[in-house]
Amino acid sequence: MSDRASVTVDLSKIEENARRVVRALPGVSIVGVTKVACGAPEVARAMLAGGVAMLGESRLENAARLREAGVTAPIWLIRAPSPGVAADAVRLVDVSLVSDVTIAEALDAAARAGGVRHGIVAMIDTGDLREGMWPDALPEFLEAVSTLRNIDVAGIGTNLTCFGAIVPDADNLELLGAVARDAERRLGRALTVSVGGSAAIAPIMAGLGHDSIDNLRAGEAIVLGVDPSTEAAIPGLGLHMDAVTLTAPVIECFVKPSKPIGTSTLDAFGNVPHFRDIGLRRRAICAVGRQDVPPQGLAPMDPRVKVLGASSDHLVLDVDALPVPPRVGESLSFTPSYAAMLALFTSPYVTKVFV
């Protein structure tokens, strides 16, 4: 039993998932993205033990958490810093993903003031429309940043799937490679070619982009064991899909009608809910809600339990199929999706447990 909702992370499974991803992609350095766990040092160390070459973070607050915990591995900032936090970026991370000259100039000034050099990966947009300059703008960008004395162009990168849900394929991966080769000719040296998103693992394993891509930024596959483009297992890897679990205590369990009674209006979140009348059903309420997690991102570990929805603080479940009703105070368990885990780790009301 537990008095409050808690997320448990099995670090041995995180480490094993990282190891399997690394082994599946020889010649590709893996950036283990820890942002879904809010930069938890425990998760970072498990990824590093599994063989990732460096860590990826989108928030400088999380990078600071890692550094304060004694993590010395290289960290990539995978969201460009605003110019006003450039000093923190060059102090906390080794490489920033950048698509704007103004940000590169701010990083250069901060690096010069700090007496250090700072790496950047120039980001191009290959169709997902999240971030990145158009490929034909890269030559002008490279010419501009070549005058910056404390900035090193470490590589060329792109991101796929995360916004536009565009999967990595032969076209966009070959475009990334072609743009990178042109950049290498212009700069006269080899560059890292980096693609972001766990959805790229299966295509790279299948041989797409194998002649150019040598860096992959991945978090979801390592932490949750799934391909984000399908939310299913990645064939051939055997990744653990239960490294992260949520448990939440039951605070009520009654038999009630399956359809609310009275005149319907908007719910607390501005939605019009729809219910099917299937008679009386036993339903339980767990002490966790939308303030902590999107209910659609929770999969009950007992398939006989069904998530009906949630208000701010109450997760409503159909438990009619359970042979023994859950008792008040007993905990029910769930595996979270990526979006659900992101919210759970951000919520101050959910206890985090590492085992």
Protein backbone atom coordinates (compact mmCIF):
# COMPACT_ATOMS: atom_id res chain seq x y z
CA MET A 1 0.00 0.00 0.00
CA SER A 2 1.04 3.61 -0.59
CA ASP A 3 -0.32 6.85 0.78
CA ARG A 4 0.22 8.77 -2.45
CA ALA A 5 0.86 8.29 -6.16
CA SER A 6 4.41 7.26 -6.98
CA VAL A 7 6.50 6.58 -10.07
CA THR A 8 9.00 3.74 -9.79
CA VAL A 9 11.95 3.50 -12.18
CA ASP A 10 13.80 0.21 -12.54
CA LEU A 11 17.31 1.45 -13.27
CA SER A 12 18.61 -1.98 -14.27
CA LYS A 13 16.04 -2.08 -17.08
CA ILE A 14 17.00 1.44 -18.19
CA GLU A 15 20.65 0.37 -18.29
CA GLU A 16 19.83 -2.78 -20.25
CA ASN A 17 17.67 -0.86 -22.74
CA ALA A 18 20.53 1.60 -23.30
CA ARG A 19 22.97 -1.26 -23.82
CA ARG A 20 20.72 -2.93 -26.39
CA VAL A 21 20.24 0.28 -28.35
CA VAL A 22 23.99 0.96 -28.36
CA ARG A 23 24.77 -2.57 -29.54
CA ALA A 24 22.11 -2.42 -32.26
CA LEU A 25 23.70 0.68 -33.83
CA PRO A 26 27.46 0.10 -34.20
CA GLY A 27 29.27 3.19 -35.38
CA VAL A 28 26.52 5.49 -34.11
CA SER A 29 27.15 7.42 -30.88
CA ILE A 30 24.03 7.60 -28.72
CA VAL A 31 22.89 10.72 -26.89
CA GLY A 32 20.78 9.44 -23.99
CA VAL A 33 17.98 11.98 -23.58
CA THR A 34 16.99 12.39 -19.92
CA LYS A 35 14.45 15.20 -20.25
CA VAL A 36 11.44 12.88 -19.78
CA ALA A 37 12.75 12.20 -16.26
CA CYS A 38 13.46 15.90 -15.61
CA GLY A 39 17.19 15.26 -15.63
CA ALA A 40 17.12 12.67 -12.86
CA PRO A 41 20.78 11.83 -12.14
CA GLU A 42 19.81 8.21 -11.39
CA VAL A 43 18.39 7.78 -14.90
CA ALA A 44 21.40 9.53 -16.44
CA ARG A 45 23.85 7.22 -14.66
CA ALA A 46 21.88 4.15 -15.76
CA MET A 47 22.03 5.33 -19.39
CA LEU A 48 25.76 5.99 -19.15
CA ALA A 49 26.33 2.58 -17.58
CA GLY A 50 24.50 1.13 -20.58
CA GLY A 51 26.99 2.74 -22.95
CA VAL A 52 25.47 6.00 -24.17
CA ALA A 53 28.22 8.42 -25.17
CA MET A 54 26.63 11.59 -23.86
CA LEU A 55 23.41 12.96 -22.37
CA GLY A 56 20.76 15.18 -23.92
CA GLU A 57 18.72 17.76 -22.04
CA SER A 58 16.29 20.44 -23.16
CA ARG A 59 16.23 22.42 -19.91
CA LEU A 60 19.21 24.10 -18.33
CA GLU A 61 17.63 23.50 -14.92
CA ASN A 62 17.92 19.77 -15.58
CA ALA A 63 21.50 20.13 -16.80
CA ALA A 64 22.30 21.97 -13.57
CA ARG A 65 20.72 19.12 -11.59
CA LEU A 66 22.98 16.65 -13.37
CA ARG A 67 26.12 18.71 -12.80
CA GLU A 68 25.29 19.30 -9.13
CA ALA A 69 24.89 15.54 -8.72
CA GLY A 70 28.43 15.04 -10.02
CA VAL A 71 27.60 13.88 -13.55
CA THR A 72 30.62 14.83 -15.67
CA ALA A 73 29.64 13.22 -19.00
CA PRO A 74 29.21 15.50 -22.02
CA ILE A 75 25.75 17.07 -22.18
CA TRP A 76 24.03 18.31 -25.31
CA LEU A 77 21.41 21.03 -24.94
CA ILE A 78 18.80 19.75 -27.38
CA ARG A 79 16.67 22.90 -27.33
CA ALA A 80 18.41 26.09 -28.41
CA PRO A 81 19.01 28.44 -25.49
CA SER A 82 17.58 31.93 -25.65
CA PRO A 83 20.34 34.55 -25.86
CA GLY A 84 19.72 35.63 -22.28
CA VAL A 85 20.76 32.26 -20.85
CA ALA A 86 23.80 31.75 -23.08
CA ALA A 87 26.17 32.11 -20.11
CA ASP A 88 24.42 29.29 -18.27
CA ALA A 89 24.49 27.16 -21.41
CA VAL A 90 28.26 27.42 -21.91
CA ARG A 91 28.79 26.76 -18.19
CA LEU A 92 26.58 23.68 -17.96
CA VAL A 93 26.63 21.94 -21.35
CA ASP A 94 29.17 21.09 -24.00
CA VAL A 95 27.11 21.35 -27.19
CA SER A 96 23.96 23.31 -28.08
CA LEU A 97 21.59 22.62 -30.96
CA VAL A 98 21.24 25.92 -32.82
CA SER A 99 19.46 27.17 -35.94
CA ASP A 100 19.75 30.94 -35.51
CA VAL A 101 22.87 33.08 -35.91
CA THR A 102 21.79 35.40 -33.08
CA ILE A 103 21.90 32.52 -30.62
CA ALA A 104 25.26 31.36 -31.94
CA GLU A 105 26.61 34.89 -31.44
CA ALA A 106 25.29 34.98 -27.87
CA LEU A 107 26.94 31.63 -27.12
CA ASP A 108 30.19 32.89 -28.63
CA ALA A 109 30.16 36.00 -26.44
CA ALA A 110 29.41 33.93 -23.34
CA ALA A 111 32.12 31.41 -24.19
CA ARG A 112 34.63 34.19 -24.77
CA ALA A 113 33.74 35.77 -21.42
CA GLY A 114 34.11 32.42 -19.72
CA GLY A 115 37.37 31.58 -21.43
CA VAL A 116 36.00 28.39 -23.00
CA ARG A 117 34.98 27.04 -26.38
CA HIS A 118 31.44 25.84 -27.08
CA GLY A 119 30.20 23.37 -29.66
CA ILE A 120 27.07 23.76 -31.74
CA VAL A 121 25.10 21.41 -33.97
CA ALA A 122 23.50 23.36 -36.81
CA MET A 123 19.89 22.20 -37.05
CA ILE A 124 18.08 21.85 -40.36
CA ASP A 125 14.40 21.13 -40.91
CA THR A 126 13.85 18.03 -43.04
CA GLY A 127 10.07 18.14 -42.90
CA ASP A 128 8.85 17.66 -39.33
CA LEU A 129 8.55 21.45 -38.91
CA ARG A 130 9.63 21.58 -35.29
CA GLU A 131 12.93 23.43 -35.42
CA GLY A 132 15.74 23.99 -37.87
CA MET A 133 16.60 26.23 -40.80
CA TRP A 134 15.72 25.21 -44.33
CA PRO A 135 18.64 23.27 -45.85
CA ASP A 136 19.37 25.99 -48.43
CA ALA A 137 19.98 28.47 -45.59
CA LEU A 138 22.80 26.42 -44.08
CA PRO A 139 25.67 27.80 -46.23
CA GLU A 140 24.92 31.36 -45.13
CA PHE A 141 24.64 30.20 -41.49
CA LEU A 142 28.00 28.42 -41.67
CA GLU A 143 29.65 31.47 -43.23
CA ALA A 144 28.32 33.68 -40.42
CA VAL A 145 29.37 31.40 -37.55
CA SER A 146 32.80 30.76 -39.07
CA THR A 147 33.79 34.24 -37.87
CA LEU A 148 32.95 33.38 -34.24
CA ARG A 149 36.20 32.66 -32.40
CA ASN A 150 34.84 30.63 -29.47
CA ILE A 151 32.29 28.51 -31.34
CA ASP A 152 33.00 25.16 -32.97
CA VAL A 153 30.53 23.69 -35.44
CA ALA A 154 30.45 20.12 -34.19
CA GLY A 155 27.83 18.76 -36.54
CA ILE A 156 24.67 19.00 -38.60
CA GLY A 157 21.42 17.71 -37.15
CA THR A 158 17.71 17.30 -37.64
CA ASN A 159 14.71 16.20 -35.59
CA LEU A 160 11.87 13.99 -36.76
CA THR A 161 8.51 12.69 -35.45
CA CYS A 162 8.28 14.87 -32.32
CA PHE A 163 6.03 17.60 -33.76
CA GLY A 164 4.81 16.85 -37.26
CA ALA A 165 4.88 13.06 -36.68
CA ILE A 166 7.06 12.65 -39.78
CA VAL A 167 8.85 9.31 -39.65
CA PRO A 168 12.52 8.96 -40.61
CA ASP A 169 12.68 7.54 -44.14
CA ALA A 170 15.05 7.26 -47.09
CA ASP A 171 14.19 10.76 -48.34
CA ASN A 172 14.68 12.82 -45.18
CA LEU A 173 17.68 10.82 -43.94
CA GLU A 174 19.38 11.08 -47.33
CA LEU A 175 18.64 14.82 -47.36
CA LEU A 176 20.32 15.16 -43.96
CA GLY A 177 23.35 13.25 -45.23
CA ALA A 178 23.63 15.29 -48.42
CA VAL A 179 23.41 18.59 -46.54
CA ALA A 180 26.03 17.38 -44.06
CA ARG A 181 28.43 16.35 -46.84
CA ASP A 182 28.10 19.79 -48.43
CA ALA A 183 28.79 21.41 -45.06
CA GLU A 184 31.89 19.25 -44.62
CA ARG A 185 33.19 20.39 -48.01
CA ARG A 186 32.63 24.02 -47.06
CA LEU A 187 34.34 23.68 -43.67
CA GLY A 188 37.04 21.30 -44.86
CA ARG A 189 36.58 18.77 -42.07
CA ALA A 190 34.37 15.93 -40.89
CA LEU A 191 31.21 16.71 -38.93
CA THR A 192 28.90 14.71 -36.69
CA VAL A 193 25.62 13.93 -38.44
CA SER A 194 22.88 13.72 -35.81
CA VAL A 195 19.25 12.69 -36.02
CA GLY A 196 16.82 13.14 -33.15
CA GLY A 197 14.11 10.76 -32.04
CA SER A 198 13.82 7.11 -31.06
CA ALA A 199 11.70 6.58 -34.19
CA ALA A 200 14.97 6.65 -36.15
CA ILE A 201 16.33 3.50 -34.50
CA ALA A 202 14.48 0.97 -36.67
CA PRO A 203 15.21 2.77 -39.98
CA ILE A 204 18.91 3.07 -39.14
CA MET A 205 18.99 -0.61 -38.13
CA ALA A 206 17.45 -1.35 -41.55
CA GLY A 207 20.30 0.48 -43.27
CA LEU A 208 18.75 3.87 -44.00
CA GLY A 209 21.24 6.70 -43.60
CA HIS A 210 23.97 4.23 -42.65
CA ASP A 211 26.54 5.95 -44.86
CA SER A 212 26.22 9.33 -43.14
CA ILE A 213 24.42 9.27 -39.76
CA ASP A 214 26.81 8.70 -36.86
CA ASN A 215 24.83 10.17 -33.95
CA LEU A 216 21.36 9.50 -32.58
CA ARG A 217 19.51 11.39 -29.84
CA ALA A 218 17.14 8.94 -28.13
CA GLY A 219 15.18 8.90 -24.90
CA GLU A 220 11.84 7.14 -25.30
CA ALA A 221 13.25 3.85 -26.54
CA ILE A 222 15.72 3.69 -23.64
CA VAL A 223 13.29 4.71 -20.92
CA LEU A 224 10.02 3.18 -22.13
CA GLY A 225 11.23 0.60 -24.64
CA VAL A 226 9.02 1.72 -27.52
CA ASP A 227 9.17 3.32 -30.95
CA PRO A 228 7.33 6.67 -30.59
CA SER A 229 5.99 6.47 -34.13
CA THR A 230 4.06 3.30 -33.27
CA GLU A 231 4.08 3.24 -29.44
CA ALA A 232 5.01 -0.43 -29.87
CA ALA A 233 8.14 -2.51 -29.36
CA ILE A 234 11.04 -2.01 -31.76
CA PRO A 235 11.44 -5.33 -33.61
CA GLY A 236 14.59 -7.26 -32.81
CA LEU A 237 15.69 -5.29 -29.75
CA GLY A 238 13.72 -6.88 -26.92
CA LEU A 239 13.62 -3.66 -24.91
CA HIS A 240 11.97 -3.56 -21.51
CA MET A 241 8.63 -1.77 -21.76
CA ASP A 242 7.95 -1.74 -18.02
CA ALA A 243 10.99 0.09 -16.65
CA VAL A 244 8.68 2.86 -15.43
CA THR A 245 5.45 2.24 -13.51
CA LEU A 246 2.91 4.40 -11.71
CA THR A 247 1.10 3.24 -8.59
CA ALA A 248 -1.77 5.20 -7.08
CA PRO A 249 -3.87 4.44 -4.02
CA VAL A 250 -7.60 3.72 -4.23
CA ILE A 251 -9.66 6.25 -2.27
CA GLU A 252 -13.15 5.03 -3.25
CA CYS A 253 -14.72 1.91 -4.74
CA PHE A 254 -18.51 1.72 -5.31
CA VAL A 255 -21.02 0.27 -7.75
CA LYS A 256 -22.53 3.16 -9.75
CA PRO A 257 -24.38 3.77 -13.03
CA SER A 258 -22.11 3.84 -16.08
CA LYS A 259 -23.76 7.01 -17.40
CA PRO A 260 -23.99 10.26 -15.40
CA ILE A 261 -27.46 11.39 -14.36
CA GLY A 262 -28.88 14.82 -15.23
CA THR A 263 -28.29 17.60 -17.76
CA SER A 264 -24.83 17.41 -19.37
CA THR A 265 -22.56 20.42 -19.93
CA LEU A 266 -18.83 21.08 -20.23
CA ASP A 267 -16.52 19.27 -17.84
CA ALA A 268 -13.86 21.00 -15.73
CA PHE A 269 -11.50 21.11 -18.73
CA GLY A 270 -13.93 22.54 -21.26
CA ASN A 271 -14.73 19.22 -22.94
CA VAL A 272 -18.07 17.59 -23.69
CA PRO A 273 -17.79 14.07 -22.26
CA HIS A 274 -19.66 11.15 -23.80
CA PHE A 275 -20.71 8.06 -21.86
CA ARG A 276 -22.27 4.79 -22.96
CA ASP A 277 -24.95 3.28 -20.74
CA ILE A 278 -23.84 -0.27 -19.96
CA GLY A 279 -25.66 -0.57 -16.65
CA LEU A 280 -24.30 -0.65 -13.14
CA ARG A 281 -20.52 -1.03 -12.89
CA ARG A 282 -18.04 -1.13 -10.05
CA ARG A 283 -15.72 1.84 -10.33
CA ALA A 284 -12.70 2.90 -8.31
CA ILE A 285 -11.09 6.29 -7.83
CA CYS A 286 -7.32 6.63 -7.46
CA ALA A 287 -5.57 9.61 -5.89
CA VAL A 288 -4.00 11.07 -9.02
CA GLY A 289 -5.48 13.33 -11.68
CA ARG A 290 -4.99 15.53 -14.71
CA GLN A 291 -2.83 17.91 -12.72
CA ASP A 292 -0.34 15.04 -12.57
CA VAL A 293 -0.89 13.01 -15.73
CA PRO A 294 -3.08 12.79 -18.87
CA PRO A 295 -5.32 9.77 -18.15
CA GLN A 296 -5.24 8.57 -21.76
CA GLY A 297 -1.52 7.96 -21.31
CA LEU A 298 -1.98 5.34 -18.60
CA ALA A 299 -2.25 1.62 -19.36
CA PRO A 300 -3.41 -0.45 -16.35
CA MET A 301 -1.02 -3.31 -15.66
CA ASP A 302 -4.06 -5.49 -14.99
CA PRO A 303 -5.91 -5.52 -18.34
CA ARG A 304 -9.21 -6.06 -16.54
CA VAL A 305 -9.00 -2.48 -15.25
CA LYS A 306 -10.20 0.25 -17.63
CA VAL A 307 -9.40 3.97 -17.41
CA LEU A 308 -12.63 5.97 -17.76
CA GLY A 309 -11.14 9.42 -17.38
CA ALA A 310 -9.98 11.93 -14.78
CA SER A 311 -10.70 15.26 -13.18
CA SER A 312 -7.94 17.44 -11.74
CA ASP A 313 -7.30 15.10 -8.83
CA HIS A 314 -9.31 11.91 -9.38
CA LEU A 315 -8.56 9.04 -11.76
CA VAL A 316 -11.78 7.13 -12.44
CA LEU A 317 -11.50 3.43 -13.28
CA ASP A 318 -13.86 0.61 -14.22
CA VAL A 319 -12.86 -2.34 -12.03
CA ASP A 320 -15.99 -4.42 -12.52
CA ALA A 321 -14.04 -7.26 -14.13
CA LEU A 322 -11.83 -7.78 -11.10
CA PRO A 323 -12.94 -10.86 -9.12
CA VAL A 324 -12.11 -9.08 -5.85
CA PRO A 325 -12.80 -5.32 -5.65
CA PRO A 326 -9.75 -3.23 -4.70
CA ARG A 327 -9.80 -2.02 -1.12
CA VAL A 328 -9.45 1.61 -0.11
CA GLY A 329 -5.73 2.23 0.45
CA GLU A 330 -4.70 -0.53 -1.95
CA SER A 331 -2.63 0.65 -4.92
CA LEU A 332 -3.30 -0.01 -8.59
CA SER A 333 -0.47 0.05 -11.12
CA PHE A 334 -0.07 1.51 -14.61
CA THR A 335 2.58 1.86 -17.31
CA PRO A 336 2.79 5.43 -18.64
CA SER A 337 3.20 6.68 -22.18
CA TYR A 338 5.92 9.21 -22.95
CA ALA A 339 3.53 12.13 -22.43
CA ALA A 340 2.28 10.60 -19.19
CA MET A 341 5.79 10.02 -17.83
CA LEU A 342 6.81 13.57 -18.73
CA ALA A 343 3.88 14.93 -16.73
CA LEU A 344 4.36 12.55 -13.80
CA PHE A 345 8.00 13.56 -13.38
CA THR A 346 7.06 17.22 -13.59
CA SER A 347 4.32 16.92 -10.96
CA PRO A 348 5.50 17.77 -7.43
CA TYR A 349 2.62 15.67 -6.06
CA VAL A 350 3.98 12.35 -7.34
CA THR A 351 6.76 10.59 -5.44
CA LYS A 352 9.72 9.39 -7.53
CA VAL A 353 11.31 6.08 -6.56
CA PHE A 354 14.46 4.60 -8.14
CA VAL A 355 15.25 0.93 -7.65
